[in-house]
Amino acid sequence: MDHNFLLKNEVAIKLYETCARDLPIIDYHNHLNVADILSDRKFENITRLWISVDPYKHRAMRILGVPERYITGDATDYEKFEKWYHCLPRLVGSALYDWSVMEFDLIFGIQLPPFRRDPREVWGEVNEKLKTLSARGILSKFNLEYSAPCASLNDDLSVFEGLEGTSPSLRGDNILVPDAELVRQLGKLTGITVADLQSFAQALDLRLTAFRAAGCKFSDHALDDGFRYLADDGQNEARFSAIMRGEKLGEEDREKLSSHILKMLGALYAKHGLTMQLHIGAKRTTSSRLRQIAGPAGGYAAIGRCVDVKSLTDLLDAVEQQPYGLPKTILFTLNPADNAVMSVLSGSFSKDGVEAIVSQGPAWWWCDHYQGMCDMLDHLCVYGVMSTFIGMTTDSRSLLSFVRHDYFRRILCQWIGNQVQQGIL
């Protein structure tokens, strides 16, 4: 890989070489398999490490017409590798191409472009190198200071005890409309008999204490396409009781109860000093066929509509009015049309002595490429305050994805270099 990849002027090169390149990685939101790290897994072959866990790659293969058998089906691991290998030359201009080249270069010392080598030769070479690399060995290739894999409310947190620099990040989606089994397990873990919303809040409070003790600093909720915040109408206790009886709620009742619980959680996050991440705008229900084949995170989601600003601000306003005020809140938008909306909101809420109590997160998911990152930076700089930006995170299931921090740093340095070259900075 070109040493000055993406760095096209002297300022960009100087910033990258003297400042950005060797900074430690703080990855505050990812979906890594903690069991793989804990067991120091050795991967059977490059497909299991590089392709099987990556819905980004699956999506690109489907766009190129690759039969599903070679993506999530019963083809051999080599056949899946070969299909992906032959897709790569057609992805020039995509972040997937860049990441793939960077991953092979940094981790295995193998140059992929221009993809003229026989795939069997590359397969043999990389698998031979994998024999001496384990999960922790791969992670050691990065200057990784802090990593925060997602953990659900009732997960066993003891698995994080032996992982230096790795702490859980609470994934809270299943808390918003809980089922009776989740509540029962929560009660068992906390020793609290959960009979109503008040005792549910007490159990959540106690469980968050356990998360904090395990090093947790972040929570995360997906506010998908069509998200609405609906104010408490006095009926949420009845809705919670219905769930505890095993009944299913209608759509509006679910929205009202989830709104109430999200407000309650926001207050608890502020009490415990957790940063609340809100990932906004994914349209997850597209192809029913692919959902059946690949599961709920199979790479077929789309960008949803623009955010309902009233719902988002009503939520933040309701949480702010609680005794502890707003927690530190990061807003991720999947729809690039919402960049200005998210950047402006950093000035719509405040807490004395706290910089950007509400801030925009980095370009996310379908937007975490060169164009998406620059667009997000452009908006944050003029609508918010650039120096409060929290920086990049991988939001990935792949151990190799930490190269995206280097990708982001190069883009950031070039973005600043362009501003200097144009006389703006």
Protein backbone atom coordinates (compact mmCIF):
# COMPACT_ATOMS: atom_id res chain seq x y z
CA MET A 1 0.00 0.00 0.00
CA ASP A 2 1.18 3.50 -0.85
CA HIS A 3 2.74 4.99 2.31
CA ASN A 4 0.94 8.28 1.61
CA PHE A 5 -2.40 6.68 0.73
CA LEU A 6 -5.12 9.41 0.82
CA LEU A 7 -2.54 12.01 1.90
CA LYS A 8 -2.13 14.39 -1.02
CA ASN A 9 -0.45 17.52 0.32
CA GLU A 10 2.38 18.41 2.72
CA VAL A 11 0.12 19.46 5.58
CA ALA A 12 -1.82 16.20 5.47
CA ILE A 13 1.38 14.15 5.41
CA LYS A 14 2.92 16.13 8.27
CA LEU A 15 -0.21 15.85 10.44
CA TYR A 16 -0.43 12.11 9.84
CA GLU A 17 3.25 11.37 10.40
CA THR A 18 3.84 13.60 13.44
CA CYS A 19 0.51 13.29 15.22
CA ALA A 20 -2.21 10.93 14.03
CA ARG A 21 -0.41 7.78 12.88
CA ASP A 22 0.85 6.46 16.21
CA LEU A 23 -1.95 7.54 18.50
CA PRO A 24 -3.53 4.72 20.51
CA ILE A 25 -6.87 3.36 19.32
CA ILE A 26 -9.88 3.95 21.56
CA ASP A 27 -12.76 2.00 20.01
CA TYR A 28 -15.84 2.81 22.02
CA HIS A 29 -18.43 0.78 20.08
CA ASN A 30 -18.00 -2.57 18.32
CA HIS A 31 -19.57 -5.99 18.01
CA LEU A 32 -16.51 -8.19 18.47
CA ASN A 33 -17.03 -11.74 19.66
CA VAL A 34 -15.68 -11.61 23.21
CA ALA A 35 -15.50 -15.41 23.39
CA ASP A 36 -13.04 -15.42 20.47
CA ILE A 37 -10.78 -12.98 22.31
CA LEU A 38 -11.12 -14.72 25.67
CA SER A 39 -10.25 -18.12 24.20
CA ASP A 40 -7.57 -16.56 21.97
CA ARG A 41 -9.18 -18.31 19.03
CA LYS A 42 -7.11 -19.53 16.12
CA PHE A 43 -9.09 -19.19 12.93
CA GLU A 44 -9.33 -22.23 10.68
CA ASN A 45 -8.76 -20.15 7.54
CA ILE A 46 -9.02 -16.62 6.18
CA THR A 47 -12.69 -17.01 5.23
CA ARG A 48 -13.69 -17.56 8.86
CA LEU A 49 -11.78 -14.44 9.92
CA TRP A 50 -12.26 -12.13 6.97
CA ILE A 51 -15.51 -12.92 5.16
CA SER A 52 -17.97 -14.95 7.25
CA VAL A 53 -18.46 -12.25 9.91
CA ASP A 54 -18.64 -9.25 7.56
CA PRO A 55 -22.10 -8.23 6.23
CA TYR A 56 -20.42 -5.36 4.31
CA LYS A 57 -18.72 -7.95 2.10
CA HIS A 58 -21.90 -10.00 1.81
CA ARG A 59 -23.79 -6.94 0.58
CA ALA A 60 -21.19 -6.18 -2.09
CA MET A 61 -21.19 -9.79 -3.29
CA ARG A 62 -24.97 -9.70 -3.67
CA ILE A 63 -24.75 -6.44 -5.64
CA LEU A 64 -22.36 -8.23 -8.00
CA GLY A 65 -24.76 -11.14 -8.42
CA VAL A 66 -22.78 -13.75 -6.51
CA PRO A 67 -25.11 -16.67 -5.68
CA GLU A 68 -26.05 -16.81 -1.99
CA ARG A 69 -24.48 -20.27 -1.75
CA TYR A 70 -21.05 -18.57 -1.92
CA ILE A 71 -22.00 -15.91 0.65
CA THR A 72 -23.89 -17.56 3.51
CA GLY A 73 -24.62 -20.97 1.98
CA ASP A 74 -23.00 -24.39 1.87
CA ALA A 75 -20.07 -23.61 -0.43
CA THR A 76 -16.65 -24.49 0.94
CA ASP A 77 -14.60 -21.84 2.70
CA TYR A 78 -12.18 -21.76 -0.21
CA GLU A 79 -15.01 -21.25 -2.72
CA LYS A 80 -16.31 -18.32 -0.66
CA PHE A 81 -12.83 -16.82 -0.51
CA GLU A 82 -12.35 -17.22 -4.25
CA LYS A 83 -15.65 -15.49 -5.03
CA TRP A 84 -14.82 -12.55 -2.77
CA TYR A 85 -11.27 -12.33 -4.14
CA HIS A 86 -12.64 -12.01 -7.67
CA CYS A 87 -15.13 -9.34 -6.53
CA LEU A 88 -12.43 -7.04 -5.15
CA PRO A 89 -11.11 -5.58 -8.45
CA ARG A 90 -14.65 -4.44 -9.24
CA LEU A 91 -14.88 -2.53 -5.96
CA VAL A 92 -12.26 0.10 -6.72
CA GLY A 93 -13.54 3.38 -5.23
CA SER A 94 -15.32 1.57 -2.40
CA ALA A 95 -14.09 1.64 1.19
CA LEU A 96 -14.36 -2.16 1.09
CA TYR A 97 -11.56 -2.27 -1.46
CA ASP A 98 -9.38 0.05 0.61
CA TRP A 99 -10.03 -1.77 3.89
CA SER A 100 -9.28 -5.15 2.30
CA VAL A 101 -5.95 -3.95 0.93
CA MET A 102 -5.06 -2.33 4.27
CA GLU A 103 -6.03 -5.44 6.29
CA PHE A 104 -3.86 -7.78 4.23
CA ASP A 105 -0.99 -5.32 4.19
CA LEU A 106 -0.94 -4.55 7.92
CA ILE A 107 -1.81 -7.95 9.41
CA PHE A 108 -0.29 -10.39 6.92
CA GLY A 109 2.24 -8.34 4.96
CA ILE A 110 0.56 -9.44 1.73
CA GLN A 111 -0.02 -7.06 -1.18
CA LEU A 112 -3.41 -7.70 -2.77
CA PRO A 113 -3.54 -5.36 -5.77
CA PRO A 114 -3.68 -5.74 -8.68
CA PHE A 115 -5.26 -9.14 -7.92
CA ARG A 116 -3.35 -10.93 -10.66
CA ARG A 117 -2.12 -13.69 -8.39
CA ASP A 118 -3.92 -16.99 -8.44
CA PRO A 119 -6.44 -17.07 -5.56
CA ARG A 120 -5.19 -20.52 -4.47
CA GLU A 121 -1.71 -19.09 -4.05
CA VAL A 122 -3.00 -16.22 -1.90
CA TRP A 123 -5.24 -18.64 0.04
CA GLY A 124 -2.27 -20.83 0.87
CA GLU A 125 0.01 -17.95 1.83
CA VAL A 126 -2.42 -16.20 4.16
CA ASN A 127 -3.60 -19.42 5.82
CA GLU A 128 0.00 -20.36 6.51
CA LYS A 129 0.47 -17.04 8.30
CA LEU A 130 -2.78 -17.57 10.21
CA LYS A 131 -1.29 -20.68 11.80
CA THR A 132 0.91 -18.42 13.93
CA LEU A 133 -1.75 -15.77 14.61
CA SER A 134 -4.53 -15.97 17.20
CA ALA A 135 -7.29 -13.48 18.01
CA ARG A 136 -5.14 -11.68 20.57
CA GLY A 137 -2.17 -11.84 18.24
CA ILE A 138 -4.20 -10.02 15.60
CA LEU A 139 -5.31 -7.38 18.10
CA SER A 140 -1.70 -6.87 19.17
CA LYS A 141 -0.96 -5.61 15.65
CA PHE A 142 -2.95 -2.50 16.53
CA ASN A 143 -2.09 0.09 19.16
CA LEU A 144 -5.38 -0.73 20.89
CA GLU A 145 -5.82 1.02 24.25
CA TYR A 146 -9.56 0.56 24.80
CA SER A 147 -12.20 -1.58 23.12
CA ALA A 148 -15.90 -1.76 24.01
CA PRO A 149 -17.71 -4.80 22.57
CA CYS A 150 -21.49 -4.77 22.99
CA ALA A 151 -23.02 -6.79 25.82
CA SER A 152 -26.72 -7.28 26.54
CA LEU A 153 -28.28 -6.46 29.89
CA ASN A 154 -28.19 -9.98 31.33
CA ASP A 155 -24.93 -11.18 29.79
CA ASP A 156 -22.21 -12.70 31.95
CA LEU A 157 -19.83 -9.79 32.59
CA SER A 158 -17.16 -11.95 34.21
CA VAL A 159 -15.78 -12.74 30.73
CA PHE A 160 -14.32 -9.23 30.61
CA GLU A 161 -12.26 -9.67 33.77
CA GLY A 162 -9.32 -11.28 31.98
CA LEU A 163 -9.31 -8.92 29.01
CA GLU A 164 -7.02 -5.96 29.55
CA GLY A 165 -8.28 -2.83 27.82
CA THR A 166 -11.62 -4.43 26.93
CA SER A 167 -14.83 -3.44 28.68
CA PRO A 168 -18.51 -4.03 27.88
CA SER A 169 -20.71 -1.48 26.16
CA LEU A 170 -24.37 -1.96 27.05
CA ARG A 171 -26.52 -2.80 24.02
CA GLY A 172 -29.95 -1.79 25.27
CA ASP A 173 -32.38 -2.52 22.45
CA ASN A 174 -34.05 -5.48 24.14
CA ILE A 175 -34.64 -3.41 27.29
CA LEU A 176 -37.02 -0.96 25.62
CA VAL A 177 -39.84 -3.46 25.15
CA PRO A 178 -38.72 -6.29 27.42
CA ASP A 179 -40.27 -9.71 27.52
CA ALA A 180 -41.13 -11.59 30.69
CA GLU A 181 -38.03 -13.81 30.41
CA LEU A 182 -35.63 -10.84 30.24
CA VAL A 183 -37.30 -9.33 33.30
CA ARG A 184 -37.17 -12.65 35.16
CA GLN A 185 -33.44 -13.03 34.44
CA LEU A 186 -32.82 -9.43 35.48
CA GLY A 187 -34.60 -10.07 38.77
CA LYS A 188 -32.53 -13.19 39.37
CA LEU A 189 -29.27 -11.32 38.71
CA THR A 190 -30.14 -8.37 40.95
CA GLY A 191 -32.14 -10.12 43.66
CA ILE A 192 -35.06 -7.75 43.05
CA THR A 193 -38.59 -9.03 42.48
CA VAL A 194 -39.73 -7.04 39.46
CA ALA A 195 -43.47 -6.51 39.65
CA ASP A 196 -43.92 -3.07 38.10
CA LEU A 197 -42.04 -0.28 36.33
CA GLN A 198 -40.70 1.11 39.60
CA SER A 199 -39.08 -2.16 40.63
CA PHE A 200 -37.93 -2.63 37.01
CA ALA A 201 -36.11 0.72 37.28
CA GLN A 202 -34.56 -0.35 40.60
CA ALA A 203 -33.29 -3.58 39.04
CA LEU A 204 -31.90 -1.67 36.03
CA ASP A 205 -30.17 0.74 38.40
CA LEU A 206 -28.49 -2.14 40.22
CA ARG A 207 -27.51 -3.86 36.96
CA LEU A 208 -25.93 -0.68 35.64
CA THR A 209 -23.82 -0.61 38.80
CA ALA A 210 -22.49 -4.04 37.78
CA PHE A 211 -21.77 -2.80 34.25
CA ARG A 212 -19.86 0.18 35.62
CA ALA A 213 -17.86 -2.13 37.89
CA ALA A 214 -16.92 -4.12 34.75
CA GLY A 215 -15.53 -0.95 33.16
CA CYS A 216 -18.55 0.00 31.07
CA LYS A 217 -18.59 3.63 29.92
CA PHE A 218 -21.10 3.49 27.06
CA SER A 219 -24.62 2.39 26.27
CA ASP A 220 -26.20 2.09 22.84
CA HIS A 221 -29.71 2.11 21.38
CA ALA A 222 -30.87 1.75 17.79
CA LEU A 223 -33.59 4.26 16.93
CA ASP A 224 -34.54 2.84 13.57
CA ASP A 225 -36.41 4.33 10.62
CA GLY A 226 -39.75 5.69 11.81
CA PHE A 227 -38.65 6.25 15.43
CA ARG A 228 -41.18 8.24 17.44
CA TYR A 229 -40.95 9.46 21.00
CA LEU A 230 -44.41 9.44 22.61
CA ALA A 231 -44.93 11.17 25.94
CA ASP A 232 -46.23 9.20 28.92
CA ASP A 233 -50.02 8.89 28.82
CA GLY A 234 -50.37 7.23 32.21
CA GLN A 235 -50.95 3.77 30.75
CA ASN A 236 -47.40 2.41 30.69
CA GLU A 237 -47.79 0.52 33.94
CA ALA A 238 -50.65 -1.42 32.38
CA ARG A 239 -48.57 -2.09 29.27
CA PHE A 240 -45.69 -3.39 31.37
CA SER A 241 -48.07 -5.67 33.29
CA ALA A 242 -49.39 -7.03 29.98
CA ILE A 243 -45.86 -7.90 28.89
CA MET A 244 -45.24 -9.64 32.20
CA ARG A 245 -48.33 -11.75 31.52
CA GLY A 246 -46.82 -12.78 28.18
CA GLU A 247 -49.12 -10.64 26.06
CA LYS A 248 -47.98 -8.94 22.86
CA LEU A 249 -48.46 -5.21 22.50
CA GLY A 250 -49.69 -3.42 19.40
CA GLU A 251 -47.33 -1.06 17.56
CA GLU A 252 -48.45 2.17 19.25
CA ASP A 253 -48.44 0.58 22.70
CA ARG A 254 -44.91 -0.70 22.06
CA GLU A 255 -43.78 2.78 21.00
CA LYS A 256 -45.30 4.39 24.10
CA LEU A 257 -43.75 1.88 26.48
CA SER A 258 -40.34 1.97 24.77
CA SER A 259 -40.39 5.79 24.89
CA HIS A 260 -41.04 5.69 28.63
CA ILE A 261 -38.31 3.11 29.28
CA LEU A 262 -35.79 4.98 27.10
CA LYS A 263 -36.44 8.16 29.07
CA MET A 264 -35.99 6.17 32.29
CA LEU A 265 -32.73 4.65 31.00
CA GLY A 266 -31.41 8.05 29.93
CA ALA A 267 -31.85 9.27 33.49
CA LEU A 268 -30.05 6.19 34.84
CA TYR A 269 -27.20 6.64 32.36
CA ALA A 270 -26.73 10.19 33.63
CA LYS A 271 -26.73 8.93 37.22
CA HIS A 272 -24.07 6.29 36.47
CA GLY A 273 -21.94 8.50 34.20
CA LEU A 274 -22.55 6.40 31.07
CA THR A 275 -22.44 7.94 27.62
CA MET A 276 -25.65 7.22 25.68
CA GLN A 277 -25.16 6.43 21.99
CA LEU A 278 -28.21 6.70 19.71
CA HIS A 279 -27.85 5.11 16.27
CA ILE A 280 -30.58 6.70 14.18
CA GLY A 281 -32.21 5.92 10.86
CA ALA A 282 -31.54 2.32 9.79
CA LYS A 283 -34.21 0.72 7.64
CA ARG A 284 -33.72 -2.89 8.70
CA THR A 285 -36.79 -4.50 7.11
CA THR A 286 -36.12 -4.72 3.39
CA SER A 287 -35.94 -8.18 1.82
CA SER A 288 -37.89 -10.80 3.77
CA ARG A 289 -36.10 -13.45 1.73
CA LEU A 290 -32.64 -12.25 2.77
CA ARG A 291 -33.70 -11.86 6.38
CA GLN A 292 -34.76 -15.50 6.41
CA ILE A 293 -31.46 -16.55 4.82
CA ALA A 294 -28.98 -14.30 6.62
CA GLY A 295 -30.67 -13.30 9.87
CA PRO A 296 -31.42 -9.82 11.26
CA ALA A 297 -27.91 -8.40 10.61
CA GLY A 298 -27.25 -9.86 7.19
CA GLY A 299 -26.09 -6.77 5.32
CA TYR A 300 -29.34 -5.94 3.51
CA ALA A 301 -30.47 -2.97 5.65
CA ALA A 302 -31.02 0.39 3.98
CA ILE A 303 -30.89 4.08 4.83
CA GLY A 304 -34.18 5.23 6.32
CA ARG A 305 -36.04 8.51 6.21
CA CYS A 306 -34.79 11.73 7.75
CA VAL A 307 -35.01 11.80 11.52
CA ASP A 308 -38.20 12.95 13.25
CA VAL A 309 -36.56 15.98 14.89
CA LYS A 310 -39.51 16.58 17.22
CA SER A 311 -39.30 13.04 18.60
CA LEU A 312 -35.54 13.26 19.08
CA THR A 313 -35.62 16.64 20.80
CA ASP A 314 -38.66 15.65 22.91
CA LEU A 315 -36.72 12.61 24.13
CA LEU A 316 -33.62 14.62 25.00
CA ASP A 317 -35.73 17.32 26.62
CA ALA A 318 -37.61 14.76 28.75
CA VAL A 319 -34.37 13.15 29.94
CA GLU A 320 -32.79 16.54 30.65
CA GLN A 321 -35.63 17.36 33.04
CA GLN A 322 -34.80 14.36 35.26
CA PRO A 323 -32.79 14.90 38.49
CA TYR A 324 -29.38 14.05 36.94
CA GLY A 325 -30.03 15.83 33.64
CA LEU A 326 -28.80 14.53 30.29
CA PRO A 327 -26.05 11.96 30.05
CA LYS A 328 -23.31 12.58 27.54
CA THR A 329 -25.11 11.72 24.29
CA ILE A 330 -23.70 10.80 20.87
CA LEU A 331 -26.00 10.98 17.84
CA PHE A 332 -25.17 8.78 14.84
CA THR A 333 -27.16 9.37 11.67
CA LEU A 334 -27.40 6.83 8.88
CA ASN A 335 -29.08 9.31 6.57
CA PRO A 336 -26.46 11.84 5.39
CA ALA A 337 -29.25 14.38 4.87
CA ASP A 338 -29.39 14.59 8.69
CA ASN A 339 -25.77 15.69 9.20
CA ALA A 340 -26.65 19.36 9.72
CA VAL A 341 -29.53 18.43 12.03
CA MET A 342 -27.26 16.35 14.27
CA SER A 343 -24.44 18.91 14.32
CA VAL A 344 -26.77 21.75 15.28
CA LEU A 345 -28.24 19.78 18.20
CA SER A 346 -24.89 20.00 20.01
CA GLY A 347 -25.89 23.58 20.83
CA SER A 348 -29.50 22.87 21.74
CA PHE A 349 -28.76 21.21 25.10
CA SER A 350 -26.12 21.96 27.70
CA LYS A 351 -24.73 21.09 31.11
CA ASP A 352 -22.44 23.41 33.07
CA GLY A 353 -18.81 22.44 32.72
CA VAL A 354 -19.46 19.74 30.10
CA GLU A 355 -18.33 20.16 26.50
CA ALA A 356 -20.99 19.16 23.95
CA ILE A 357 -23.31 17.19 26.22
CA VAL A 358 -24.97 16.23 22.92
CA SER A 359 -22.60 15.65 20.02
CA GLN A 360 -22.60 14.10 16.57
CA GLY A 361 -20.94 10.74 16.15
CA PRO A 362 -18.71 9.79 13.22
CA ALA A 363 -20.02 8.79 9.81
CA TRP A 364 -21.71 5.45 10.41
CA TRP A 365 -22.40 2.20 8.57
CA TRP A 366 -23.14 2.94 4.91
CA CYS A 367 -21.51 6.37 5.40
CA ASP A 368 -18.12 5.40 6.92
CA HIS A 369 -16.21 5.98 3.67
CA TYR A 370 -14.19 8.91 2.30
CA GLN A 371 -17.15 10.89 1.01
CA GLY A 372 -19.32 10.19 4.06
CA MET A 373 -16.59 11.12 6.54
CA CYS A 374 -15.72 14.36 4.75
CA ASP A 375 -19.40 15.30 4.49
CA MET A 376 -19.87 14.71 8.22
CA LEU A 377 -16.73 16.75 9.06
CA ASP A 378 -17.85 19.60 6.80
CA HIS A 379 -21.17 19.87 8.64
CA LEU A 380 -19.76 19.47 12.15
CA CYS A 381 -17.17 22.19 11.53
CA VAL A 382 -19.70 24.84 10.47
CA TYR A 383 -22.79 23.86 12.48
CA GLY A 384 -21.09 22.66 15.67
CA VAL A 385 -17.62 22.84 17.22
CA MET A 386 -15.04 20.62 15.58
CA SER A 387 -12.79 20.27 18.64
CA THR A 388 -15.54 18.47 20.59
CA PHE A 389 -15.73 15.62 18.05
CA ILE A 390 -15.35 12.23 19.76
CA GLY A 391 -13.67 10.55 16.77
CA MET A 392 -13.92 7.22 14.98
CA THR A 393 -15.20 3.82 16.07
CA THR A 394 -15.40 0.61 14.05
CA ASP A 395 -18.94 -0.61 14.88
CA SER A 396 -17.73 -3.91 13.43
CA ARG A 397 -17.72 -7.66 14.08
CA SER A 398 -14.31 -8.18 12.50
CA LEU A 399 -11.01 -8.31 14.39
CA LEU A 400 -9.36 -6.84 11.31
CA SER A 401 -11.60 -3.77 11.24
CA PHE A 402 -9.33 -1.66 13.45
CA VAL A 403 -7.54 -0.62 10.25
CA ARG A 404 -10.54 1.68 9.81
CA HIS A 405 -9.04 3.95 12.47
CA ASP A 406 -5.99 4.45 10.26
CA TYR A 407 -8.31 4.98 7.28
CA PHE A 408 -10.21 7.65 9.23
CA ARG A 409 -7.03 9.33 10.47
CA ARG A 410 -5.72 9.64 6.93
CA ILE A 411 -9.02 11.15 5.79
CA LEU A 412 -9.09 13.58 8.73
CA CYS A 413 -5.52 14.72 8.06
CA GLN A 414 -6.28 15.18 4.36
CA TRP A 415 -9.51 17.04 5.18
CA ILE A 416 -7.54 19.48 7.35
CA GLY A 417 -4.79 19.66 4.71
CA ASN A 418 -7.37 20.63 2.08
CA GLN A 419 -8.74 23.37 4.34
CA VAL A 420 -5.23 24.77 4.84
CA GLN A 421 -4.42 24.56 1.15
CA GLN A 422 -7.57 26.51 0.31
CA GLY A 423 -6.78 29.19 2.91
CA ILE A 424 -9.81 28.32 5.06
CA LEU A 425 -7.74 27.18 8.01
